[in-house]
Amino acid sequence: MICPYCQQGMQKEELTGDGRRGITWWPLDGPSWNRVIVAKNALSQSRAEAFYCESCKKILIDV
């Protein structure tokens, strides 16, 4: 995948959680119901596919 910010190649990786709460994006300002659940709870670990740009230090994920 090509980074939409710097046009360099991105590495396919994954975000992981410990399985207790899944992986959730929370807004810094605003109500908590605006959160986005990236990966739901699992018995062992939560995982979400992501792409990382080493050049500009950005991570892209599908929700």
C-alpha atoms as a PDB file:
ATOM      1  CA  MET A   1       0.000   0.000   0.000  1.00  0.00           C
ATOM      2  CA  ILE A   2       1.197   3.528  -0.744  1.00  0.00           C
ATOM      3  CA  CYS A   3       0.959   6.141   2.021  1.00  0.00           C
ATOM      4  CA  PRO A   4      -1.566   8.854   1.063  1.00  0.00           C
ATOM      5  CA  TYR A   5       0.474  11.445   3.004  1.00  0.00           C
ATOM      6  CA  CYS A   6       4.056  10.984   1.729  1.00  0.00           C
ATOM      7  CA  GLN A   7       3.609   8.508  -1.195  1.00  0.00           C
ATOM      8  CA  GLN A   8       6.100   6.008   0.301  1.00  0.00           C
ATOM      9  CA  GLY A   9       5.442   2.280   0.763  1.00  0.00           C
ATOM     10  CA  MET A  10       3.596   1.110   3.876  1.00  0.00           C
ATOM     11  CA  GLN A  11       4.131  -2.085   5.891  1.00  0.00           C
ATOM     12  CA  LYS A  12       1.148  -4.367   6.543  1.00  0.00           C
ATOM     13  CA  GLU A  13       0.994  -5.012  10.292  1.00  0.00           C
ATOM     14  CA  GLU A  14      -1.617  -5.374  13.018  1.00  0.00           C
ATOM     15  CA  LEU A  15      -2.721  -3.581  16.144  1.00  0.00           C
ATOM     16  CA  THR A  16      -3.221  -5.886  19.104  1.00  0.00           C
ATOM     17  CA  GLY A  17      -4.956  -5.627  22.454  1.00  0.00           C
ATOM     18  CA  ASP A  18      -4.858  -7.865  25.502  1.00  0.00           C
ATOM     19  CA  GLY A  19      -8.379  -9.214  24.911  1.00  0.00           C
ATOM     20  CA  ARG A  20     -10.042  -7.513  27.867  1.00  0.00           C
ATOM     21  CA  ARG A  21     -11.396  -4.451  26.068  1.00  0.00           C
ATOM     22  CA  GLY A  22     -10.710  -4.907  22.369  1.00  0.00           C
ATOM     23  CA  ILE A  23      -9.222  -2.002  20.420  1.00  0.00           C
ATOM     24  CA  THR A  24     -11.172   1.251  20.522  1.00  0.00           C
ATOM     25  CA  TRP A  25     -10.456   4.763  19.233  1.00  0.00           C
ATOM     26  CA  TRP A  26     -11.668   7.427  21.657  1.00  0.00           C
ATOM     27  CA  PRO A  27     -11.975  11.124  20.731  1.00  0.00           C
ATOM     28  CA  LEU A  28      -9.925  13.478  22.913  1.00  0.00           C
ATOM     29  CA  ASP A  29     -12.766  15.998  23.038  1.00  0.00           C
ATOM     30  CA  GLY A  30     -16.433  15.228  22.917  1.00  0.00           C
ATOM     31  CA  PRO A  31     -18.740  12.500  24.163  1.00  0.00           C
ATOM     32  CA  SER A  32     -17.514   8.951  24.610  1.00  0.00           C
ATOM     33  CA  TRP A  33     -20.325   7.539  22.455  1.00  0.00           C
ATOM     34  CA  ASN A  34     -18.408   8.899  19.421  1.00  0.00           C
ATOM     35  CA  ARG A  35     -15.854   6.112  19.864  1.00  0.00           C
ATOM     36  CA  VAL A  36     -14.979   3.720  17.038  1.00  0.00           C
ATOM     37  CA  ILE A  37     -14.554   0.019  17.829  1.00  0.00           C
ATOM     38  CA  VAL A  38     -11.691  -1.262  15.680  1.00  0.00           C
ATOM     39  CA  ALA A  39     -11.624  -4.841  17.030  1.00  0.00           C
ATOM     40  CA  LYS A  40     -14.083  -6.450  19.436  1.00  0.00           C
ATOM     41  CA  ASN A  41     -13.167  -8.309  22.601  1.00  0.00           C
ATOM     42  CA  ALA A  42     -11.743 -11.784  22.228  1.00  0.00           C
ATOM     43  CA  LEU A  43     -10.877 -14.475  24.745  1.00  0.00           C
ATOM     44  CA  SER A  44      -7.145 -14.070  24.226  1.00  0.00           C
ATOM     45  CA  GLN A  45      -6.260 -11.050  22.073  1.00  0.00           C
ATOM     46  CA  SER A  46      -7.913  -8.438  19.887  1.00  0.00           C
ATOM     47  CA  ARG A  47      -6.348  -7.805  16.487  1.00  0.00           C
ATOM     48  CA  ALA A  48      -6.920  -5.306  13.694  1.00  0.00           C
ATOM     49  CA  GLU A  49      -5.051  -5.182  10.382  1.00  0.00           C
ATOM     50  CA  ALA A  50      -3.171  -1.909   9.899  1.00  0.00           C
ATOM     51  CA  PHE A  51      -0.658  -0.303   7.555  1.00  0.00           C
ATOM     52  CA  TYR A  52       2.324   1.591   8.985  1.00  0.00           C
ATOM     53  CA  CYS A  53       4.364   4.255   7.190  1.00  0.00           C
ATOM     54  CA  GLU A  54       7.882   4.330   8.584  1.00  0.00           C
ATOM     55  CA  SER A  55       8.626   7.541   6.685  1.00  0.00           C
ATOM     56  CA  CYS A  56       5.922   9.771   8.213  1.00  0.00           C
ATOM     57  CA  LYS A  57       5.025   7.592  11.248  1.00  0.00           C
ATOM     58  CA  LYS A  58       1.322   7.195  10.402  1.00  0.00           C
ATOM     59  CA  ILE A  59      -0.920   4.150  10.828  1.00  0.00           C
ATOM     60  CA  LEU A  60      -3.952   3.495   8.596  1.00  0.00           C
ATOM     61  CA  ILE A  61      -6.720   1.116   9.657  1.00  0.00           C
ATOM     62  CA  ASP A  62     -10.132   0.154   8.316  1.00  0.00           C
ATOM     63  CA  VAL A  63     -12.964   0.346  10.826  1.00  0.00           C
END
